[in-house]
Amino acid sequence: MDVPLIVALVSFFAVMLASSAVFLYFNSKEALQTWRRRATGTSVVVESEAGPAGMIEQVMSQLRALLEWFARMNQPSNVEEARATRRQLINAGYRSVKASVFFIGAKLLLALVMACLMATIPAKVLGFPTISNLTFYYVVAAACGYYAPVLWLRRAIAARKDALQRAIPDALDLMVVCVEAGLGLDQAIGRVGEEVHRTHPELSDELNILALELRTGVSRQEALRNLAQRTDLEEVRNLVALLVQTDRFGTSIGQALRVHADSMRTTRRLKAEELAAKLPVKLLLPLIFFIFPSMFIVVLGPAGIKMIRVIFPAIAGN
């Protein structure tokens, strides 16, 4: 018997056994819950009133338990790696205590899922590969599943940073108005967090957390530094440094915020001008390879066809 066929059969039976184990686990748990309801005298109608929402919640709880089990098998090698993962998840906006556990478990779970999906592909489709090539395919599929959450996390961090960058100048203008209207800095932060909730929810969440830290007794400098760590943005670090220095030396907060808002507005305008200046260079390749050939075909094509129809019969007649 061919080796790829043996590997495919073994993989098929492994997937079937794993699926049967999962089915028996859920079935036994449901039976256990039924016996527990009968023992406690709880009515079945009360649980059935939840409908699809209760079923979805049960599936999500089982998925969370499965991710935690995979996370225990894929624990980070050192404390620094765990802290880095936790910091990246906070930068992406996931502040839950178990976010890093679910993320680490999802990496191993997706690797296993990709390997199982690879096992479902017939050997004929792969061209009856050798055992070494088939192992390479499995390793590549598992690696794609393992590193897919990492790529997703990087994109989530980049998207959140971009949203925060766009929101900071507007929030600073509102903060200047609040401070000059007579509010303190702590009250202005909370008010701005409420006002920008619809337009900039990411910045609103960060400002609300900052306001809550200030209300719970955390010092202003520490709360501001926590904001800079959560966002990991250069603009926020500059704003935090400005507010810390203003609070330390007792200068006017409104004037400092107004100057900083003007500088950030100028920086945003310069970035927009820089992007506009790069646009002709970026359009050069599409113009050369896509637009100009189409224009030449449309403009010169009919003339070329007419010349061929006139010249070729004349040459053939001579």
C-alpha atoms as a PDB file:
ATOM      1  CA  MET A   1       0.000   0.000   0.000  1.00  0.00           C
ATOM      2  CA  ASP A   2       1.219   3.504  -0.839  1.00  0.00           C
ATOM      3  CA  VAL A   3       2.630   5.593   2.010  1.00  0.00           C
ATOM      4  CA  PRO A   4       0.545   8.746   1.276  1.00  0.00           C
ATOM      5  CA  LEU A   5      -2.598   6.610   1.317  1.00  0.00           C
ATOM      6  CA  ILE A   6      -1.634   5.170   4.712  1.00  0.00           C
ATOM      7  CA  VAL A   7      -1.006   8.688   6.072  1.00  0.00           C
ATOM      8  CA  ALA A   8      -4.349   9.883   4.704  1.00  0.00           C
ATOM      9  CA  LEU A   9      -6.200   6.947   6.304  1.00  0.00           C
ATOM     10  CA  VAL A  10      -4.474   7.460   9.656  1.00  0.00           C
ATOM     11  CA  SER A  11      -5.289  11.168   9.557  1.00  0.00           C
ATOM     12  CA  PHE A  12      -8.918  10.408   8.663  1.00  0.00           C
ATOM     13  CA  PHE A  13      -9.327   7.977  11.566  1.00  0.00           C
ATOM     14  CA  ALA A  14      -7.611  10.442  13.925  1.00  0.00           C
ATOM     15  CA  VAL A  15     -10.041  13.195  12.951  1.00  0.00           C
ATOM     16  CA  MET A  16     -12.986  10.800  13.334  1.00  0.00           C
ATOM     17  CA  LEU A  17     -11.829   9.725  16.803  1.00  0.00           C
ATOM     18  CA  ALA A  18     -11.305  13.332  17.888  1.00  0.00           C
ATOM     19  CA  SER A  19     -14.767  14.309  16.604  1.00  0.00           C
ATOM     20  CA  SER A  20     -16.340  11.344  18.392  1.00  0.00           C
ATOM     21  CA  ALA A  21     -14.575  12.279  21.624  1.00  0.00           C
ATOM     22  CA  VAL A  22     -15.836  15.853  21.410  1.00  0.00           C
ATOM     23  CA  PHE A  23     -19.374  14.646  20.657  1.00  0.00           C
ATOM     24  CA  LEU A  24     -19.356  12.216  23.577  1.00  0.00           C
ATOM     25  CA  TYR A  25     -18.001  14.924  25.869  1.00  0.00           C
ATOM     26  CA  PHE A  26     -20.781  17.374  25.018  1.00  0.00           C
ATOM     27  CA  ASN A  27     -23.413  14.619  25.116  1.00  0.00           C
ATOM     28  CA  SER A  28     -22.300  13.385  28.534  1.00  0.00           C
ATOM     29  CA  LYS A  29     -22.224  16.925  29.867  1.00  0.00           C
ATOM     30  CA  GLU A  30     -25.764  17.558  28.643  1.00  0.00           C
ATOM     31  CA  ALA A  31     -26.924  14.299  30.258  1.00  0.00           C
ATOM     32  CA  LEU A  32     -25.193  15.312  33.488  1.00  0.00           C
ATOM     33  CA  GLN A  33     -26.983  18.659  33.455  1.00  0.00           C
ATOM     34  CA  THR A  34     -30.304  16.871  32.857  1.00  0.00           C
ATOM     35  CA  TRP A  35     -29.774  14.588  35.876  1.00  0.00           C
ATOM     36  CA  ARG A  36     -28.712  17.599  37.943  1.00  0.00           C
ATOM     37  CA  ARG A  37     -31.911  19.457  37.022  1.00  0.00           C
ATOM     38  CA  ARG A  38     -33.969  16.417  37.999  1.00  0.00           C
ATOM     39  CA  ALA A  39     -32.148  16.105  41.317  1.00  0.00           C
ATOM     40  CA  THR A  40     -32.615  19.778  42.206  1.00  0.00           C
ATOM     41  CA  GLY A  41     -36.181  19.903  40.851  1.00  0.00           C
ATOM     42  CA  THR A  42     -35.458  22.670  38.330  1.00  0.00           C
ATOM     43  CA  SER A  43     -37.975  22.927  35.504  1.00  0.00           C
ATOM     44  CA  VAL A  44     -36.790  22.321  31.959  1.00  0.00           C
ATOM     45  CA  VAL A  45     -38.970  25.138  30.653  1.00  0.00           C
ATOM     46  CA  VAL A  46     -36.909  27.733  32.507  1.00  0.00           C
ATOM     47  CA  GLU A  47     -33.762  26.683  30.675  1.00  0.00           C
ATOM     48  CA  SER A  48     -35.486  26.358  27.304  1.00  0.00           C
ATOM     49  CA  GLU A  49     -36.741  29.942  27.519  1.00  0.00           C
ATOM     50  CA  ALA A  50     -33.219  31.120  26.804  1.00  0.00           C
ATOM     51  CA  GLY A  51     -33.506  29.775  23.261  1.00  0.00           C
ATOM     52  CA  PRO A  52     -30.643  30.359  20.838  1.00  0.00           C
ATOM     53  CA  ALA A  53     -28.977  32.873  23.164  1.00  0.00           C
ATOM     54  CA  GLY A  54     -28.441  30.231  25.822  1.00  0.00           C
ATOM     55  CA  MET A  55     -27.131  27.784  23.258  1.00  0.00           C
ATOM     56  CA  ILE A  56     -24.679  30.355  21.901  1.00  0.00           C
ATOM     57  CA  GLU A  57     -23.526  31.169  25.421  1.00  0.00           C
ATOM     58  CA  GLN A  58     -23.008  27.476  26.133  1.00  0.00           C
ATOM     59  CA  VAL A  59     -20.986  27.032  22.942  1.00  0.00           C
ATOM     60  CA  MET A  60     -18.877  30.078  23.795  1.00  0.00           C
ATOM     61  CA  SER A  61     -18.222  28.770  27.295  1.00  0.00           C
ATOM     62  CA  GLN A  62     -17.118  25.428  25.871  1.00  0.00           C
ATOM     63  CA  LEU A  63     -14.880  27.215  23.382  1.00  0.00           C
ATOM     64  CA  ARG A  64     -13.322  29.278  26.159  1.00  0.00           C
ATOM     65  CA  ALA A  65     -12.670  26.126  28.167  1.00  0.00           C
ATOM     66  CA  LEU A  66     -11.088  24.496  25.109  1.00  0.00           C
ATOM     67  CA  LEU A  67      -8.860  27.535  24.522  1.00  0.00           C
ATOM     68  CA  GLU A  68      -7.762  27.499  28.152  1.00  0.00           C
ATOM     69  CA  TRP A  69      -6.863  23.813  27.830  1.00  0.00           C
ATOM     70  CA  PHE A  70      -4.781  24.492  24.713  1.00  0.00           C
ATOM     71  CA  ALA A  71      -3.178  27.492  26.434  1.00  0.00           C
ATOM     72  CA  ARG A  72      -1.914  25.251  29.241  1.00  0.00           C
ATOM     73  CA  MET A  73      -0.191  23.143  26.599  1.00  0.00           C
ATOM     74  CA  ASN A  74       1.296  26.214  24.864  1.00  0.00           C
ATOM     75  CA  GLN A  75       2.502  28.321  27.765  1.00  0.00           C
ATOM     76  CA  PRO A  76       5.194  30.957  27.043  1.00  0.00           C
ATOM     77  CA  SER A  77       8.769  29.950  27.712  1.00  0.00           C
ATOM     78  CA  ASN A  78       9.530  32.935  29.973  1.00  0.00           C
ATOM     79  CA  VAL A  79       7.811  35.763  31.792  1.00  0.00           C
ATOM     80  CA  GLU A  80       8.982  38.436  29.337  1.00  0.00           C
ATOM     81  CA  GLU A  81       7.239  36.725  26.436  1.00  0.00           C
ATOM     82  CA  ALA A  82       3.996  36.541  28.418  1.00  0.00           C
ATOM     83  CA  ARG A  83       4.275  40.223  29.334  1.00  0.00           C
ATOM     84  CA  ALA A  84       4.934  41.170  25.717  1.00  0.00           C
ATOM     85  CA  THR A  85       1.843  39.249  24.583  1.00  0.00           C
ATOM     86  CA  ARG A  86      -0.231  40.880  27.296  1.00  0.00           C
ATOM     87  CA  ARG A  87       1.061  44.324  26.301  1.00  0.00           C
ATOM     88  CA  GLN A  88       0.255  43.760  22.630  1.00  0.00           C
ATOM     89  CA  LEU A  89      -3.285  42.661  23.458  1.00  0.00           C
ATOM     90  CA  ILE A  90      -3.778  45.778  25.574  1.00  0.00           C
ATOM     91  CA  ASN A  91      -2.507  47.897  22.677  1.00  0.00           C
ATOM     92  CA  ALA A  92      -5.109  46.197  20.472  1.00  0.00           C
ATOM     93  CA  GLY A  93      -7.856  47.033  22.991  1.00  0.00           C
ATOM     94  CA  TYR A  94      -8.277  43.631  24.685  1.00  0.00           C
ATOM     95  CA  ARG A  95      -7.833  44.261  28.409  1.00  0.00           C
ATOM     96  CA  SER A  96      -9.441  41.112  29.788  1.00  0.00           C
ATOM     97  CA  VAL A  97      -7.386  39.067  32.241  1.00  0.00           C
ATOM     98  CA  LYS A  98      -7.855  35.935  30.132  1.00  0.00           C
ATOM     99  CA  ALA A  99      -7.222  37.626  26.774  1.00  0.00           C
ATOM    100  CA  SER A 100      -3.631  36.383  26.646  1.00  0.00           C
ATOM    101  CA  VAL A 101      -4.784  32.870  27.640  1.00  0.00           C
ATOM    102  CA  PHE A 102      -7.341  32.779  24.830  1.00  0.00           C
ATOM    103  CA  PHE A 103      -4.815  34.185  22.359  1.00  0.00           C
ATOM    104  CA  ILE A 104      -2.159  31.585  23.186  1.00  0.00           C
ATOM    105  CA  GLY A 105      -4.734  28.799  23.087  1.00  0.00           C
ATOM    106  CA  ALA A 106      -6.095  30.016  19.750  1.00  0.00           C
ATOM    107  CA  LYS A 107      -2.641  29.712  18.199  1.00  0.00           C
ATOM    108  CA  LEU A 108      -2.343  26.018  19.032  1.00  0.00           C
ATOM    109  CA  LEU A 109      -6.008  25.322  18.223  1.00  0.00           C
ATOM    110  CA  LEU A 110      -5.750  26.901  14.768  1.00  0.00           C
ATOM    111  CA  ALA A 111      -2.555  24.972  14.088  1.00  0.00           C
ATOM    112  CA  LEU A 112      -4.383  21.722  14.871  1.00  0.00           C
ATOM    113  CA  VAL A 113      -7.405  22.770  12.798  1.00  0.00           C
ATOM    114  CA  MET A 114      -5.236  23.594   9.784  1.00  0.00           C
ATOM    115  CA  ALA A 115      -3.469  20.235  10.077  1.00  0.00           C
ATOM    116  CA  CYS A 116      -6.855  18.464  10.216  1.00  0.00           C
ATOM    117  CA  LEU A 117      -8.071  20.412   7.183  1.00  0.00           C
ATOM    118  CA  MET A 118      -4.899  19.406   5.395  1.00  0.00           C
ATOM    119  CA  ALA A 119      -5.692  15.767   6.204  1.00  0.00           C
ATOM    120  CA  THR A 120      -9.052  16.061   4.443  1.00  0.00           C
ATOM    121  CA  ILE A 121      -7.408  16.919   1.112  1.00  0.00           C
ATOM    122  CA  PRO A 122      -7.128  13.741  -1.021  1.00  0.00           C
ATOM    123  CA  ALA A 123      -3.666  12.552  -1.975  1.00  0.00           C
ATOM    124  CA  LYS A 124      -4.690  12.651  -5.634  1.00  0.00           C
ATOM    125  CA  VAL A 125      -5.227  16.400  -5.465  1.00  0.00           C
ATOM    126  CA  LEU A 126      -1.725  16.818  -4.030  1.00  0.00           C
ATOM    127  CA  GLY A 127      -0.235  14.667  -6.789  1.00  0.00           C
ATOM    128  CA  PHE A 128       0.484  11.626  -4.575  1.00  0.00           C
ATOM    129  CA  PRO A 129       3.379  13.290  -2.705  1.00  0.00           C
ATOM    130  CA  THR A 130       6.106  11.399  -0.928  1.00  0.00           C
ATOM    131  CA  ILE A 131       6.189  11.130   2.845  1.00  0.00           C
ATOM    132  CA  SER A 132       8.698  13.985   3.122  1.00  0.00           C
ATOM    133  CA  ASN A 133       6.621  16.314   0.923  1.00  0.00           C
ATOM    134  CA  LEU A 134       3.453  15.381   2.781  1.00  0.00           C
ATOM    135  CA  THR A 135       5.141  16.138   6.108  1.00  0.00           C
ATOM    136  CA  PHE A 136       6.261  19.470   4.717  1.00  0.00           C
ATOM    137  CA  TYR A 137       2.672  20.301   3.696  1.00  0.00           C
ATOM    138  CA  TYR A 138       1.413  19.461   7.180  1.00  0.00           C
ATOM    139  CA  VAL A 139       4.112  21.582   8.801  1.00  0.00           C
ATOM    140  CA  VAL A 140       3.329  24.548   6.523  1.00  0.00           C
ATOM    141  CA  ALA A 141      -0.406  24.260   7.220  1.00  0.00           C
ATOM    142  CA  ALA A 142       0.162  24.050  10.974  1.00  0.00           C
ATOM    143  CA  ALA A 143       2.567  27.008  10.863  1.00  0.00           C
ATOM    144  CA  CYS A 144       0.002  29.098   8.951  1.00  0.00           C
ATOM    145  CA  GLY A 145      -2.617  28.322  11.583  1.00  0.00           C
ATOM    146  CA  TYR A 146      -0.187  28.996  14.437  1.00  0.00           C
ATOM    147  CA  TYR A 147       0.959  32.398  13.187  1.00  0.00           C
ATOM    148  CA  ALA A 148      -2.421  33.581  11.837  1.00  0.00           C
ATOM    149  CA  PRO A 149      -3.445  35.059  15.251  1.00  0.00           C
ATOM    150  CA  VAL A 150      -0.121  36.920  15.400  1.00  0.00           C
ATOM    151  CA  LEU A 151      -0.774  38.581  12.030  1.00  0.00           C
ATOM    152  CA  TRP A 152      -4.329  39.382  13.069  1.00  0.00           C
ATOM    153  CA  LEU A 153      -3.071  40.961  16.297  1.00  0.00           C
ATOM    154  CA  ARG A 154      -0.598  43.143  14.413  1.00  0.00           C
ATOM    155  CA  ARG A 155      -3.328  44.384  12.091  1.00  0.00           C
ATOM    156  CA  ALA A 156      -5.617  45.071  15.049  1.00  0.00           C
ATOM    157  CA  ILE A 157      -2.887  47.081  16.793  1.00  0.00           C
ATOM    158  CA  ALA A 158      -2.154  49.080  13.631  1.00  0.00           C
ATOM    159  CA  ALA A 159      -5.857  49.820  13.072  1.00  0.00           C
ATOM    160  CA  ARG A 160      -6.349  50.943  16.666  1.00  0.00           C
ATOM    161  CA  LYS A 161      -3.256  53.164  16.603  1.00  0.00           C
ATOM    162  CA  ASP A 162      -4.440  54.768  13.374  1.00  0.00           C
ATOM    163  CA  ALA A 163      -7.870  55.448  14.899  1.00  0.00           C
ATOM    164  CA  LEU A 164      -6.271  56.972  18.004  1.00  0.00           C
ATOM    165  CA  GLN A 165      -3.955  59.120  15.908  1.00  0.00           C
ATOM    166  CA  ARG A 166      -6.897  60.542  13.995  1.00  0.00           C
ATOM    167  CA  ALA A 167      -8.851  61.246  17.178  1.00  0.00           C
ATOM    168  CA  ILE A 168      -6.221  62.920  19.358  1.00  0.00           C
ATOM    169  CA  PRO A 169      -6.227  66.428  17.713  1.00  0.00           C
ATOM    170  CA  ASP A 170     -10.025  66.718  17.948  1.00  0.00           C
ATOM    171  CA  ALA A 171      -9.997  65.537  21.559  1.00  0.00           C
ATOM    172  CA  LEU A 172      -7.289  68.059  22.412  1.00  0.00           C
ATOM    173  CA  ASP A 173      -9.400  70.902  21.002  1.00  0.00           C
ATOM    174  CA  LEU A 174     -12.340  69.778  23.137  1.00  0.00           C
ATOM    175  CA  MET A 175     -10.067  69.521  26.163  1.00  0.00           C
ATOM    176  CA  VAL A 176      -8.817  73.070  25.617  1.00  0.00           C
ATOM    177  CA  VAL A 177     -12.411  74.319  25.486  1.00  0.00           C
ATOM    178  CA  CYS A 178     -13.294  72.433  28.683  1.00  0.00           C
ATOM    179  CA  VAL A 179     -10.234  73.685  30.584  1.00  0.00           C
ATOM    180  CA  GLU A 180     -10.722  77.285  29.483  1.00  0.00           C
ATOM    181  CA  ALA A 181     -14.415  77.037  30.479  1.00  0.00           C
ATOM    182  CA  GLY A 182     -13.342  76.427  34.077  1.00  0.00           C
ATOM    183  CA  LEU A 183     -13.167  72.646  34.436  1.00  0.00           C
ATOM    184  CA  GLY A 184     -10.203  70.964  36.039  1.00  0.00           C
ATOM    185  CA  LEU A 185      -8.008  68.602  34.082  1.00  0.00           C
ATOM    186  CA  ASP A 186      -9.547  65.488  35.641  1.00  0.00           C
ATOM    187  CA  GLN A 187     -13.097  66.654  34.941  1.00  0.00           C
ATOM    188  CA  ALA A 188     -12.106  67.746  31.411  1.00  0.00           C
ATOM    189  CA  ILE A 189     -10.689  64.288  30.660  1.00  0.00           C
ATOM    190  CA  GLY A 190     -13.926  62.615  31.761  1.00  0.00           C
ATOM    191  CA  ARG A 191     -16.089  65.069  29.820  1.00  0.00           C
ATOM    192  CA  VAL A 192     -14.075  64.686  26.619  1.00  0.00           C
ATOM    193  CA  GLY A 193     -14.252  60.897  26.984  1.00  0.00           C
ATOM    194  CA  GLU A 194     -18.050  61.146  27.058  1.00  0.00           C
ATOM    195  CA  GLU A 195     -18.263  63.600  24.162  1.00  0.00           C
ATOM    196  CA  VAL A 196     -16.113  61.640  21.684  1.00  0.00           C
ATOM    197  CA  HIS A 197     -17.816  58.305  22.371  1.00  0.00           C
ATOM    198  CA  ARG A 198     -19.747  58.295  19.067  1.00  0.00           C
ATOM    199  CA  THR A 199     -17.074  59.636  16.738  1.00  0.00           C
ATOM    200  CA  HIS A 200     -13.951  58.097  18.315  1.00  0.00           C
ATOM    201  CA  PRO A 201     -14.887  55.118  20.546  1.00  0.00           C
ATOM    202  CA  GLU A 202     -11.282  53.916  20.901  1.00  0.00           C
ATOM    203  CA  LEU A 203     -10.066  57.199  22.384  1.00  0.00           C
ATOM    204  CA  SER A 204     -13.232  57.439  24.478  1.00  0.00           C
ATOM    205  CA  ASP A 205     -12.446  54.091  26.099  1.00  0.00           C
ATOM    206  CA  GLU A 206      -8.895  55.158  26.916  1.00  0.00           C
ATOM    207  CA  LEU A 207      -9.997  58.489  28.382  1.00  0.00           C
ATOM    208  CA  ASN A 208     -12.720  56.817  30.444  1.00  0.00           C
ATOM    209  CA  ILE A 209     -10.162  54.386  31.878  1.00  0.00           C
ATOM    210  CA  LEU A 210      -7.882  57.335  32.649  1.00  0.00           C
ATOM    211  CA  ALA A 211     -10.742  59.158  34.392  1.00  0.00           C
ATOM    212  CA  LEU A 212     -11.598  56.043  36.424  1.00  0.00           C
ATOM    213  CA  GLU A 213      -7.971  55.676  37.533  1.00  0.00           C
ATOM    214  CA  LEU A 214      -7.917  59.302  38.615  1.00  0.00           C
ATOM    215  CA  ARG A 215     -11.144  58.822  40.584  1.00  0.00           C
ATOM    216  CA  THR A 216      -9.865  55.728  42.371  1.00  0.00           C
ATOM    217  CA  GLY A 217      -6.909  57.587  43.835  1.00  0.00           C
ATOM    218  CA  VAL A 218      -4.124  56.837  41.352  1.00  0.00           C
ATOM    219  CA  SER A 219      -1.737  59.749  41.021  1.00  0.00           C
ATOM    220  CA  ARG A 220      -2.100  61.836  37.895  1.00  0.00           C
ATOM    221  CA  GLN A 221       1.419  61.131  36.677  1.00  0.00           C
ATOM    222  CA  GLU A 222       1.031  57.374  37.063  1.00  0.00           C
ATOM    223  CA  ALA A 223      -2.381  57.386  35.374  1.00  0.00           C
ATOM    224  CA  LEU A 224      -1.026  59.386  32.447  1.00  0.00           C
ATOM    225  CA  ARG A 225       1.946  57.047  32.076  1.00  0.00           C
ATOM    226  CA  ASN A 226      -0.456  54.098  32.079  1.00  0.00           C
ATOM    227  CA  LEU A 227      -2.325  55.785  29.222  1.00  0.00           C
ATOM    228  CA  ALA A 228       0.917  56.108  27.258  1.00  0.00           C
ATOM    229  CA  GLN A 229       1.702  52.416  27.819  1.00  0.00           C
ATOM    230  CA  ARG A 230      -1.783  51.283  26.766  1.00  0.00           C
ATOM    231  CA  THR A 231      -1.770  53.285  23.530  1.00  0.00           C
ATOM    232  CA  ASP A 232       1.945  53.004  22.636  1.00  0.00           C
ATOM    233  CA  LEU A 233       1.790  56.154  20.492  1.00  0.00           C
ATOM    234  CA  GLU A 234       4.388  58.884  20.165  1.00  0.00           C
ATOM    235  CA  GLU A 235       1.705  61.588  20.156  1.00  0.00           C
ATOM    236  CA  VAL A 236       0.265  60.319  23.431  1.00  0.00           C
ATOM    237  CA  ARG A 237       3.726  60.122  24.995  1.00  0.00           C
ATOM    238  CA  ASN A 238       4.359  63.757  24.057  1.00  0.00           C
ATOM    239  CA  LEU A 239       0.989  64.774  25.501  1.00  0.00           C
ATOM    240  CA  VAL A 240       1.678  62.841  28.707  1.00  0.00           C
ATOM    241  CA  ALA A 241       5.101  64.452  29.074  1.00  0.00           C
ATOM    242  CA  LEU A 242       3.519  67.870  28.553  1.00  0.00           C
ATOM    243  CA  LEU A 243       0.812  67.280  31.175  1.00  0.00           C
ATOM    244  CA  VAL A 244       3.294  65.860  33.684  1.00  0.00           C
ATOM    245  CA  GLN A 245       5.612  68.848  33.311  1.00  0.00           C
ATOM    246  CA  THR A 246       2.682  71.256  33.535  1.00  0.00           C
ATOM    247  CA  ASP A 247       1.442  69.573  36.699  1.00  0.00           C
ATOM    248  CA  ARG A 248       4.932  69.537  38.205  1.00  0.00           C
ATOM    249  CA  PHE A 249       5.843  73.184  37.511  1.00  0.00           C
ATOM    250  CA  GLY A 250       2.353  74.647  37.966  1.00  0.00           C
ATOM    251  CA  THR A 251       2.059  76.363  34.587  1.00  0.00           C
ATOM    252  CA  SER A 252      -1.201  77.048  32.767  1.00  0.00           C
ATOM    253  CA  ILE A 253      -2.760  73.788  31.527  1.00  0.00           C
ATOM    254  CA  GLY A 254      -5.053  75.553  29.054  1.00  0.00           C
ATOM    255  CA  GLN A 255      -2.215  77.440  27.368  1.00  0.00           C
ATOM    256  CA  ALA A 256      -0.031  74.336  27.202  1.00  0.00           C
ATOM    257  CA  LEU A 257      -2.849  72.281  25.694  1.00  0.00           C
ATOM    258  CA  ARG A 258      -3.626  74.987  23.150  1.00  0.00           C
ATOM    259  CA  VAL A 259       0.005  75.150  21.991  1.00  0.00           C
ATOM    260  CA  HIS A 260       0.229  71.358  21.822  1.00  0.00           C
ATOM    261  CA  ALA A 261      -3.069  71.137  19.899  1.00  0.00           C
ATOM    262  CA  ASP A 262      -1.788  73.690  17.371  1.00  0.00           C
ATOM    263  CA  SER A 263       1.444  71.741  16.912  1.00  0.00           C
ATOM    264  CA  MET A 264      -0.446  68.470  16.453  1.00  0.00           C
ATOM    265  CA  ARG A 265      -2.770  70.096  13.944  1.00  0.00           C
ATOM    266  CA  THR A 266       0.248  71.363  12.030  1.00  0.00           C
ATOM    267  CA  THR A 267       1.818  67.900  12.157  1.00  0.00           C
ATOM    268  CA  ARG A 268      -1.365  66.326  10.795  1.00  0.00           C
ATOM    269  CA  ARG A 269      -1.472  68.852   7.960  1.00  0.00           C
ATOM    270  CA  LEU A 270       2.175  68.158   7.113  1.00  0.00           C
ATOM    271  CA  LYS A 271       1.492  64.411   7.056  1.00  0.00           C
ATOM    272  CA  ALA A 272      -1.426  64.980   4.694  1.00  0.00           C
ATOM    273  CA  GLU A 273       0.786  67.097   2.427  1.00  0.00           C
ATOM    274  CA  GLU A 274       3.450  64.387   2.529  1.00  0.00           C
ATOM    275  CA  LEU A 275       0.928  61.744   1.470  1.00  0.00           C
ATOM    276  CA  ALA A 276      -0.305  64.027  -1.313  1.00  0.00           C
ATOM    277  CA  ALA A 277       3.272  64.555  -2.518  1.00  0.00           C
ATOM    278  CA  LYS A 278       3.853  60.779  -2.628  1.00  0.00           C
ATOM    279  CA  LEU A 279       0.720  60.195  -4.688  1.00  0.00           C
ATOM    280  CA  PRO A 280       2.209  60.950  -8.161  1.00  0.00           C
ATOM    281  CA  VAL A 281       5.082  58.546  -7.533  1.00  0.00           C
ATOM    282  CA  LYS A 282       2.687  55.813  -6.394  1.00  0.00           C
ATOM    283  CA  LEU A 283       0.496  56.372  -9.471  1.00  0.00           C
ATOM    284  CA  LEU A 284       3.444  56.064 -11.857  1.00  0.00           C
ATOM    285  CA  LEU A 285       3.514  52.257 -12.041  1.00  0.00           C
ATOM    286  CA  PRO A 286      -0.268  51.835 -12.529  1.00  0.00           C
ATOM    287  CA  LEU A 287      -0.171  54.510 -15.229  1.00  0.00           C
ATOM    288  CA  ILE A 288       2.683  52.839 -17.098  1.00  0.00           C
ATOM    289  CA  PHE A 289       1.533  49.232 -16.870  1.00  0.00           C
ATOM    290  CA  PHE A 290      -2.268  49.491 -16.832  1.00  0.00           C
ATOM    291  CA  ILE A 291      -3.690  52.840 -17.972  1.00  0.00           C
ATOM    292  CA  PHE A 292      -1.318  53.835 -20.805  1.00  0.00           C
ATOM    293  CA  PRO A 293      -1.516  50.448 -22.620  1.00  0.00           C
ATOM    294  CA  SER A 294      -5.303  50.591 -22.503  1.00  0.00           C
ATOM    295  CA  MET A 295      -5.291  54.136 -23.853  1.00  0.00           C
ATOM    296  CA  PHE A 296      -2.909  53.166 -26.673  1.00  0.00           C
ATOM    297  CA  ILE A 297      -5.110  50.215 -27.613  1.00  0.00           C
ATOM    298  CA  VAL A 298      -8.236  52.366 -27.655  1.00  0.00           C
ATOM    299  CA  VAL A 299      -6.642  55.254 -29.580  1.00  0.00           C
ATOM    300  CA  LEU A 300      -4.325  53.434 -31.983  1.00  0.00           C
ATOM    301  CA  GLY A 301      -6.173  50.133 -32.278  1.00  0.00           C
ATOM    302  CA  PRO A 302      -8.785  51.154 -34.880  1.00  0.00           C
ATOM    303  CA  ALA A 303      -6.163  52.934 -36.980  1.00  0.00           C
ATOM    304  CA  GLY A 304      -3.908  49.869 -36.881  1.00  0.00           C
ATOM    305  CA  ILE A 305      -6.745  47.551 -37.895  1.00  0.00           C
ATOM    306  CA  LYS A 306      -7.676  49.844 -40.799  1.00  0.00           C
ATOM    307  CA  MET A 307      -4.050  50.022 -41.979  1.00  0.00           C
ATOM    308  CA  ILE A 308      -3.793  46.227 -41.894  1.00  0.00           C
ATOM    309  CA  ARG A 309      -6.988  45.885 -43.929  1.00  0.00           C
ATOM    310  CA  VAL A 310      -5.717  48.350 -46.570  1.00  0.00           C
ATOM    311  CA  ILE A 311      -2.028  47.491 -46.769  1.00  0.00           C
ATOM    312  CA  PHE A 312      -2.098  43.671 -46.600  1.00  0.00           C
ATOM    313  CA  PRO A 313      -4.465  43.214 -49.617  1.00  0.00           C
ATOM    314  CA  ALA A 314      -2.338  45.645 -51.640  1.00  0.00           C
ATOM    315  CA  ILE A 315       0.835  43.716 -50.826  1.00  0.00           C
ATOM    316  CA  ALA A 316      -0.866  40.410 -51.621  1.00  0.00           C
ATOM    317  CA  GLY A 317      -2.108  41.798 -54.982  1.00  0.00           C
ATOM    318  CA  ASN A 318       1.383  42.845 -55.998  1.00  0.00           C
END
